[in-house]
Protein backbone atom coordinates (compact mmCIF):
# COMPACT_ATOMS: atom_id res chain seq x y z
CA MET A 1 128.37 65.00 95.18
CA ASN A 2 126.08 64.78 98.09
CA PRO A 3 124.73 61.23 98.58
CA ALA A 4 121.39 62.57 99.89
CA THR A 5 120.59 64.34 96.66
CA GLN A 6 121.30 61.28 94.58
CA SER A 7 118.45 59.37 96.09
CA LEU A 8 115.79 62.01 95.45
CA PRO A 9 113.61 61.34 92.41
CA LEU A 10 114.08 64.64 90.56
CA GLU A 11 112.96 65.28 87.04
CA ASP A 12 115.11 67.10 84.53
CA ILE A 13 114.45 70.78 84.16
CA ILE A 14 112.07 71.40 81.26
CA LEU A 15 112.81 74.67 79.49
CA PRO A 16 109.95 76.60 77.93
CA ALA A 17 109.69 76.63 74.15
CA PRO A 18 111.56 79.49 72.49
CA PRO A 19 109.30 82.45 71.67
CA GLY A 20 107.74 82.36 68.18
CA ILE A 21 107.69 85.15 65.67
CA TRP A 22 103.93 85.54 65.88
CA PRO A 23 102.39 87.76 67.18
CA PRO A 24 105.00 90.43 66.66
CA ALA A 25 105.82 92.97 69.29
CA PRO A 26 104.09 96.39 69.15
CA GLY A 27 107.22 97.99 67.73
CA TRP A 28 107.04 95.76 64.65
CA TRP A 29 103.37 96.67 64.15
CA LEU A 30 104.29 100.35 64.30
CA LEU A 31 107.12 99.85 61.81
CA ALA A 32 104.75 98.03 59.42
CA VAL A 33 102.20 100.86 59.61
CA LEU A 34 104.90 103.48 59.01
CA LEU A 35 106.27 101.59 56.00
CA LEU A 36 102.78 101.23 54.56
CA ALA A 37 102.15 104.96 55.07
CA LEU A 38 105.45 105.80 53.33
CA VAL A 39 104.62 103.58 50.35
CA VAL A 40 101.10 105.01 49.99
CA GLY A 41 102.42 108.57 50.42
CA GLY A 42 105.12 107.99 47.82
CA ILE A 43 102.62 106.64 45.32
CA MET A 44 100.31 109.61 45.92
CA LEU A 45 103.20 112.07 45.53
CA ILE A 46 104.25 110.48 42.24
CA ARG A 47 100.67 110.60 40.93
CA MET A 48 100.24 114.24 42.01
CA ARG A 49 103.46 115.28 40.26
CA ALA A 50 102.46 113.43 37.11
CA ARG A 51 99.04 115.10 37.20
CA LYS A 52 100.60 118.52 37.73
CA LYS A 53 102.98 117.93 34.83
CA GLN A 54 100.08 116.84 32.66
CA LEU A 55 98.06 119.94 33.62
CA SER A 56 100.95 122.30 32.91
CA GLN A 57 101.74 120.72 29.54
CA PRO A 58 99.54 123.14 27.51
CA TYR A 59 101.23 126.10 29.21
CA GLN A 60 104.70 124.71 28.49
CA GLN A 61 103.81 124.01 24.87
CA VAL A 62 102.34 127.47 24.20
CA SER A 63 105.19 129.16 26.04
CA ALA A 64 107.70 127.37 23.82
CA ASN A 65 105.67 128.28 20.74
CA LEU A 66 105.66 131.96 21.78
CA SER A 67 109.44 131.84 22.02
CA ALA A 68 109.58 130.39 18.52
CA LEU A 69 107.30 133.19 17.30
CA GLY A 70 109.76 135.73 18.69
CA GLU A 71 112.54 134.18 16.61
CA GLN A 72 110.38 133.94 13.50
CA TYR A 73 108.89 137.46 13.47
CA GLU A 74 110.83 140.65 14.12
CA GLU A 75 108.26 143.22 12.99
CA LEU A 76 104.53 143.53 13.52
CA SER A 77 102.50 142.01 10.71
CA PRO A 78 99.05 140.47 10.25
CA ALA A 79 100.68 137.04 10.02
CA PHE A 80 102.43 137.58 13.37
CA ILE A 81 99.23 138.74 15.06
CA GLU A 82 97.31 135.83 13.60
CA ALA A 83 99.96 133.37 14.83
CA LEU A 84 100.00 135.01 18.26
CA ASN A 85 96.21 134.85 18.54
CA TYR A 86 96.34 131.22 17.44
CA GLN A 87 98.79 130.36 20.23
CA LEU A 88 96.74 132.21 22.86
CA LYS A 89 93.57 130.48 21.72
CA LEU A 90 95.38 127.15 21.71
CA TRP A 91 96.06 127.71 25.39
CA CYS A 92 92.49 128.94 25.97
CA ARG A 93 91.21 125.70 24.46
CA HIS A 94 92.54 123.92 27.55
CA ARG A 95 91.71 126.53 30.19
CA TYR A 96 88.88 128.74 28.89
CA PRO A 97 87.05 126.78 26.18
CA GLN A 98 84.34 129.43 25.89
CA ALA A 99 86.94 131.96 24.66
CA VAL A 100 88.11 129.98 21.64
CA SER A 101 85.23 131.19 19.47
CA LEU A 102 85.77 134.86 20.36
CA TYR A 103 87.23 137.28 17.83
CA GLY A 104 87.63 140.99 17.31
CA LYS A 105 86.49 143.24 20.14
CA ASP A 106 85.09 140.33 22.18
CA TRP A 107 88.50 138.61 22.10
CA ALA A 108 90.21 141.80 23.24
CA VAL A 109 87.69 142.25 26.07
CA PHE A 110 88.26 138.67 27.20
CA LEU A 111 92.04 139.20 27.25
CA ALA A 112 91.61 142.43 29.22
CA HIS A 113 89.29 140.82 31.79
CA THR A 114 91.38 137.73 32.47
CA ALA A 115 94.50 139.78 33.27
CA ASP A 116 95.18 143.50 33.04
CA ILE A 117 98.45 143.22 31.14
CA PHE A 118 97.88 144.37 27.58
CA SER A 119 97.78 148.07 26.73
CA LYS A 120 94.84 149.45 24.74
CA ASP A 121 96.92 149.52 21.55
CA GLU A 122 97.99 145.92 22.07
CA LEU A 123 94.40 144.86 22.66
CA ARG A 124 93.35 146.68 19.50
CA LEU A 125 96.10 144.88 17.56
CA LEU A 126 95.10 141.49 18.95
CA GLY A 127 91.43 142.14 18.27
CA THR A 128 91.62 143.50 14.73
CA GLY A 129 95.28 143.38 13.68
CA ALA A 130 94.98 140.20 11.67
CA TYR A 131 92.46 141.93 9.38
CA VAL A 132 94.50 145.08 8.66
CA PRO A 133 96.63 145.35 5.49
CA ALA A 134 100.30 144.55 6.05
CA GLY A 135 101.68 148.01 5.22
CA ARG A 136 99.88 149.73 8.08
CA PHE A 137 102.03 148.30 10.88
CA GLU A 138 105.09 149.89 12.42
CA GLY A 139 107.27 148.72 15.23
CA SER A 140 108.74 145.64 16.74
CA ALA A 141 106.80 142.51 17.62
CA ARG A 142 108.81 142.07 20.85
CA PRO A 143 106.65 144.22 23.22
CA LEU A 144 103.43 142.52 22.14
CA LEU A 145 105.07 139.12 22.46
CA GLU A 146 106.36 139.94 25.96
CA SER A 147 102.90 141.10 27.03
CA ALA A 148 101.42 137.88 25.65
CA GLY A 149 103.95 135.87 27.66
CA LYS A 150 103.08 137.79 30.83
CA TRP A 151 99.36 137.30 30.15
CA LEU A 152 99.90 133.58 29.61
CA LYS A 153 101.82 133.21 32.87
CA SER A 154 99.34 135.30 34.84
CA SER A 155 96.38 133.44 33.40
CA GLU A 156 97.96 130.06 34.16
CA GLN A 157 98.62 131.06 37.78
CA GLN A 158 95.07 132.36 38.11
CA TRP A 159 93.65 129.15 36.67
CA MET A 160 95.78 126.96 38.98
CA LYS A 161 94.70 129.02 42.01
CA GLN A 162 91.05 128.67 41.03
CA ARG A 163 91.52 124.95 40.48
CA ARG A 164 93.03 124.53 43.95
CA LYS A 165 90.07 126.37 45.51
CA THR A 166 87.51 124.16 43.81
CA ALA A 167 89.48 120.99 44.53
CA TYR A 168 89.45 121.58 48.29
CA ALA A 169 85.98 123.11 48.54
């Protein structure tokens, strides 16, 4: 050692305190904001899916009931037409409440105006078929049931589209 440096009154080197964890660096702030956005977005997505499932529940229920009607009835009959009208009105109760009280020609006109799917004979059957004696029907119930399924799907899509328009307007 150098004897000249031993005689100098030097203090020990004082190191600065180690950096604390607060305030965090900008990268940590950005990460916190991104995580918060992901959590909020996930919650919103889960709620939207649950709401969509809840809104489509009447459609799913009536669609399943129409399938059951196809298994139960092979031929056209007043009971089949009455059950079919009941299922369509059950769906209308959720989407078009004003149509539930319609019957006869008014019911057929409503079905024709919401979607142009039913033929004139099918509309006549749906309007007045439940009131005709059983022996006056001929044919299979399948075409009318298929048209009802198409009407149901078309009407549901139309209602969802209209709902989206009003939700964002």
